[in-house]
Amino acid sequence: MTRRTLLAAPGLTTAKLTPETARAFDAYVRKREAQIAVRGHQRGFLWVLEKPDLAQQVKRDTVVKAYVKGATEDVGDGLAHDWVGSTFIPGATRKGVLAFVQDYNRHQEFYQPEVLRSRLVSRNGDLFKVYLRLKKTKVITVVLDTEYDVTYFQLDPNRAYSRSLSTRMTELEDAGTPQEKELPAGQDHGFLWRLNTYWRFAEQDGGTYVECEAISLSRGIPMFLGPVVSPIIRSLPEDSLRQTLDLTRKHVLARGV
């Protein structure tokens, strides 16, 4: 199936982010952020260390991903996708990993092919404003201009975490051509309307664990198009998270920090 025929399918050419769906997603995020805060201060900082078999797998150079409970949930007319993943970077320091992740002007180099352009818009201490042009590909290709507020928090000399909230997500038509244009925000094909990420960094066991939880919002899946659309919408968040962790590990190892 080509990009053209898929986007021409009934019910898929347009989708609208309604205020009700946005509120339902915000409520889901508030619930998850409360649970994430408990993890950071009571239950143990790292998800992966709660599962000894997965911790060993991570240390054997394998990126581990798993659904968080309620990973795909109906929110209004949309879907909230909630994934968490972990990787271990042997020999890396927390300071070195943070310096890499915060090098936003070079994310377009590090996180190809998903990040087409990147720019640090501004920084005020531990608050970063970031621009990314993203390319999401799964049978079809969608390009978006996105902006984020990212805040970093230092728990102790060995542990830190961050909270990244999308503030603008605009889908582009004919991206990279003279005909490029933005679709109205929230009135597009609905593959990604919101993206929040929560990173944890812990230096221990001779390296640094890096974990990321990604919570995103997409359109719902029309019942009559479920067999075609569902695999695309449901698998994009997993694929993106796995690739992000893989590339973080690869480039930090190459830097030797």
Protein backbone atom coordinates (compact mmCIF):
# COMPACT_ATOMS: atom_id res chain seq x y z
CA MET A 1 0.00 0.00 0.00
CA THR A 2 1.44 3.36 -0.99
CA ARG A 3 1.37 6.55 1.01
CA ARG A 4 -1.05 8.08 -1.46
CA THR A 5 -3.60 5.29 -1.35
CA LEU A 6 -3.49 5.04 2.43
CA LEU A 7 -4.03 8.74 3.02
CA ALA A 8 -6.85 8.72 0.52
CA ALA A 9 -8.73 6.04 2.45
CA PRO A 10 -12.08 7.18 3.87
CA GLY A 11 -11.82 8.41 7.45
CA LEU A 12 -8.05 8.77 7.30
CA THR A 13 -7.62 11.92 5.26
CA THR A 14 -8.52 14.16 8.20
CA ALA A 15 -8.77 13.92 11.96
CA LYS A 16 -9.52 16.59 14.52
CA LEU A 17 -8.09 16.96 18.00
CA THR A 18 -11.14 18.00 20.00
CA PRO A 19 -10.98 19.87 23.31
CA GLU A 20 -12.52 16.83 24.98
CA THR A 21 -9.75 14.56 23.70
CA ALA A 22 -7.07 17.05 24.73
CA ARG A 23 -8.53 17.24 28.25
CA ALA A 24 -8.75 13.45 28.50
CA PHE A 25 -5.10 13.13 27.48
CA ASP A 26 -4.06 15.78 29.99
CA ALA A 27 -5.89 13.84 32.70
CA TYR A 28 -4.07 10.65 31.68
CA VAL A 29 -0.73 12.47 31.80
CA ARG A 30 -1.44 13.85 35.28
CA LYS A 31 -2.21 10.34 36.52
CA ARG A 32 0.97 8.90 35.01
CA GLU A 33 3.15 11.76 36.21
CA ALA A 34 1.95 11.12 39.77
CA GLN A 35 2.98 7.47 39.39
CA ILE A 36 6.32 8.46 37.85
CA ALA A 37 6.99 10.75 40.82
CA VAL A 38 6.35 7.84 43.20
CA ARG A 39 8.86 5.75 41.28
CA GLY A 40 11.49 8.44 41.60
CA HIS A 41 11.18 8.93 45.35
CA GLN A 42 9.69 5.78 46.90
CA ARG A 43 9.60 2.63 44.78
CA GLY A 44 13.07 2.85 43.34
CA PHE A 45 14.46 5.08 40.66
CA LEU A 46 14.91 2.61 37.79
CA TRP A 47 12.11 0.56 36.30
CA VAL A 48 14.46 -2.04 34.87
CA LEU A 49 16.03 -2.92 38.23
CA GLU A 50 12.62 -4.03 39.50
CA LYS A 51 12.94 -6.92 37.05
CA PRO A 52 16.26 -8.72 37.63
CA ASP A 53 16.02 -10.80 34.44
CA LEU A 54 15.55 -7.67 32.34
CA ALA A 55 18.37 -5.89 34.17
CA GLN A 56 20.73 -8.69 33.23
CA GLN A 57 19.52 -8.56 29.63
CA VAL A 58 20.12 -4.82 29.49
CA LYS A 59 23.66 -5.26 30.80
CA ARG A 60 24.26 -7.81 28.02
CA ASP A 61 23.95 -4.94 25.54
CA THR A 62 20.28 -5.36 24.73
CA VAL A 63 17.76 -2.54 24.77
CA VAL A 64 14.68 -3.70 26.63
CA LYS A 65 11.23 -2.26 26.04
CA ALA A 66 7.95 -3.14 27.66
CA TYR A 67 4.43 -1.84 27.89
CA VAL A 68 3.54 0.13 30.95
CA LYS A 69 0.21 -0.97 32.39
CA GLY A 70 -2.52 0.57 30.29
CA ALA A 71 -0.08 1.30 27.49
CA THR A 72 -2.71 2.10 24.88
CA GLU A 73 -5.79 3.72 26.31
CA ASP A 74 -8.80 5.44 24.78
CA VAL A 75 -8.82 9.14 25.62
CA GLY A 76 -11.81 10.87 24.12
CA ASP A 77 -11.63 10.24 20.38
CA GLY A 78 -7.89 9.56 20.54
CA LEU A 79 -5.38 7.05 21.87
CA ALA A 80 -2.77 7.57 24.59
CA HIS A 81 0.33 5.45 23.98
CA ASP A 82 2.57 4.79 26.98
CA TRP A 83 5.89 2.99 26.52
CA VAL A 84 8.95 2.66 28.72
CA GLY A 85 12.39 1.39 27.74
CA SER A 86 15.84 1.04 29.25
CA THR A 87 19.43 0.63 28.13
CA PHE A 88 22.78 0.35 29.92
CA ILE A 89 25.88 2.15 28.62
CA PRO A 90 29.01 0.53 30.05
CA GLY A 91 31.76 2.93 31.09
CA ALA A 92 29.59 6.01 30.58
CA THR A 93 29.18 8.64 33.27
CA ARG A 94 25.94 10.37 34.16
CA LYS A 95 27.57 13.71 33.40
CA GLY A 96 28.71 12.54 29.98
CA VAL A 97 25.31 11.10 29.05
CA LEU A 98 23.55 14.30 30.09
CA ALA A 99 25.96 16.40 28.04
CA PHE A 100 25.18 14.23 25.02
CA VAL A 101 21.40 14.34 25.44
CA GLN A 102 21.45 18.11 26.00
CA ASP A 103 23.40 18.74 22.79
CA TYR A 104 20.14 19.56 21.00
CA ASN A 105 21.73 21.37 18.07
CA ARG A 106 23.25 18.05 17.01
CA HIS A 107 20.26 15.77 17.50
CA GLN A 108 19.77 15.92 13.74
CA GLU A 109 23.12 14.14 13.47
CA PHE A 110 22.64 11.67 16.30
CA TYR A 111 19.02 10.63 15.81
CA GLN A 112 18.74 10.14 12.07
CA PRO A 113 16.55 9.31 10.24
CA GLU A 114 13.75 10.30 12.64
CA VAL A 115 15.14 13.76 13.49
CA LEU A 116 15.55 15.81 10.31
CA ARG A 117 16.35 19.15 11.99
CA SER A 118 17.10 20.19 15.55
CA ARG A 119 17.79 23.44 17.35
CA LEU A 120 18.19 24.68 20.89
CA VAL A 121 15.84 27.64 20.92
CA SER A 122 16.82 28.90 24.38
CA ARG A 123 18.21 27.80 27.72
CA ASN A 124 17.67 29.18 31.19
CA GLY A 125 19.59 27.04 33.67
CA ASP A 126 18.03 23.57 33.58
CA LEU A 127 15.08 24.65 31.37
CA PHE A 128 15.58 24.09 27.64
CA LYS A 129 13.30 25.11 24.78
CA VAL A 130 13.90 22.82 21.81
CA TYR A 131 12.78 22.57 18.19
CA LEU A 132 12.78 19.25 16.29
CA ARG A 133 11.57 18.35 12.82
CA LEU A 134 10.50 14.73 13.05
CA LYS A 135 9.93 12.14 10.36
CA LYS A 136 7.72 9.20 11.33
CA THR A 137 7.76 6.32 8.86
CA LYS A 138 5.71 3.12 9.00
CA VAL A 139 4.36 2.22 5.54
CA ILE A 140 3.62 5.94 5.18
CA THR A 141 5.78 8.95 6.07
CA VAL A 142 4.62 11.86 8.22
CA VAL A 143 6.79 14.95 8.89
CA LEU A 144 6.13 17.29 11.81
CA ASP A 145 7.60 20.51 13.19
CA THR A 146 7.63 20.21 16.98
CA GLU A 147 8.70 22.23 20.01
CA TYR A 148 9.28 21.19 23.63
CA ASP A 149 9.92 22.54 27.08
CA VAL A 150 12.50 20.28 28.73
CA THR A 151 13.46 20.53 32.40
CA TYR A 152 16.30 18.60 34.08
CA PHE A 153 16.43 17.69 37.76
CA GLN A 154 19.45 16.49 39.76
CA LEU A 155 18.59 14.07 42.58
CA ASP A 156 22.13 13.33 43.77
CA PRO A 157 25.62 13.03 42.24
CA ASN A 158 24.67 9.81 40.44
CA ARG A 159 21.01 10.30 39.49
CA ALA A 160 19.13 12.79 37.34
CA TYR A 161 15.88 12.90 35.41
CA SER A 162 14.11 15.10 32.88
CA ARG A 163 10.58 16.03 31.85
CA SER A 164 9.91 17.03 28.24
CA LEU A 165 6.50 18.38 27.23
CA SER A 166 5.51 19.13 23.67
CA THR A 167 4.24 22.68 23.22
CA ARG A 168 3.65 22.65 19.45
CA MET A 169 3.20 19.84 16.93
CA THR A 170 2.39 20.73 13.33
CA GLU A 171 2.17 18.25 10.48
CA LEU A 172 3.69 19.31 7.16
CA GLU A 173 2.58 18.59 3.62
CA ASP A 174 5.26 18.29 0.92
CA ALA A 175 7.98 18.77 3.54
CA GLY A 176 11.33 19.90 2.18
CA THR A 177 9.91 21.11 -1.14
CA PRO A 178 8.96 24.59 -2.36
CA GLN A 179 5.32 23.53 -1.82
CA GLU A 180 5.84 22.80 1.87
CA LYS A 181 2.99 23.98 4.08
CA GLU A 182 1.74 23.46 7.61
CA LEU A 183 -1.58 21.81 8.27
CA PRO A 184 -3.72 23.46 10.97
CA ALA A 185 -2.64 22.20 14.39
CA GLY A 186 -4.90 19.38 15.50
CA GLN A 187 -6.52 19.11 12.05
CA ASP A 188 -4.28 16.72 10.17
CA HIS A 189 -3.81 12.96 9.80
CA GLY A 190 -3.57 12.54 13.55
CA PHE A 191 -0.55 10.26 13.82
CA LEU A 192 1.05 12.39 16.56
CA TRP A 193 -0.70 15.21 18.41
CA ARG A 194 1.25 15.24 21.69
CA LEU A 195 4.55 13.78 22.89
CA ASN A 196 5.83 13.87 26.47
CA THR A 197 9.01 12.07 27.49
CA TYR A 198 10.42 11.32 30.94
CA TRP A 199 14.09 10.33 31.10
CA ARG A 200 16.01 8.82 34.02
CA PHE A 201 19.80 8.62 34.24
CA ALA A 202 21.58 6.58 36.91
CA GLU A 203 25.33 6.03 37.09
CA GLN A 204 26.01 2.67 38.75
CA ASP A 205 27.29 -0.87 38.06
CA GLY A 206 30.23 0.46 36.02
CA GLY A 207 28.20 2.56 33.62
CA THR A 208 24.98 4.53 33.26
CA TYR A 209 21.44 3.26 32.93
CA VAL A 210 19.25 5.35 30.65
CA GLU A 211 15.49 4.95 30.78
CA CYS A 212 12.78 6.75 28.88
CA GLU A 213 9.02 6.73 29.19
CA ALA A 214 7.21 8.22 26.19
CA ILE A 215 3.55 9.20 26.43
CA SER A 216 2.00 10.27 23.14
CA LEU A 217 -1.42 11.08 21.72
CA SER A 218 -2.73 10.01 18.33
CA ARG A 219 -6.07 9.85 16.59
CA GLY A 220 -8.36 6.96 17.32
CA ILE A 221 -8.67 4.10 14.86
CA PRO A 222 -11.80 3.98 12.68
CA MET A 223 -13.37 0.56 13.15
CA PHE A 224 -13.65 -0.20 9.44
CA LEU A 225 -9.98 0.68 8.91
CA GLY A 226 -8.66 -1.08 12.00
CA PRO A 227 -6.77 -3.90 10.22
CA VAL A 228 -4.96 -1.35 8.03
CA VAL A 229 -4.39 1.56 10.39
CA SER A 230 -4.03 -0.10 13.80
CA PRO A 231 -0.61 -1.73 13.18
CA ILE A 232 0.79 1.63 12.04
CA ILE A 233 -0.56 3.80 14.83
CA ARG A 234 0.14 1.28 17.59
CA SER A 235 3.67 0.34 16.50
CA LEU A 236 5.08 3.82 15.81
CA PRO A 237 5.63 4.71 19.51
CA GLU A 238 7.43 1.45 20.21
CA ASP A 239 9.63 1.73 17.13
CA SER A 240 10.54 5.33 17.92
CA LEU A 241 11.47 4.59 21.54
CA ARG A 242 13.60 1.59 20.65
CA GLN A 243 15.45 3.55 17.97
CA THR A 244 16.03 6.50 20.32
CA LEU A 245 17.55 4.28 23.01
CA ASP A 246 19.64 2.35 20.49
CA LEU A 247 21.09 5.54 19.02
CA THR A 248 21.70 7.12 22.43
CA ARG A 249 23.73 4.12 23.49
CA LYS A 250 25.60 3.91 20.17
CA HIS A 251 26.69 7.57 20.12
CA VAL A 252 27.55 7.80 23.82
CA LEU A 253 29.76 4.72 23.46
CA ALA A 254 31.41 6.29 20.41
CA ARG A 255 32.13 9.45 22.41
CA GLY A 256 33.61 7.49 25.29
CA VAL A 257 32.10 9.75 27.96
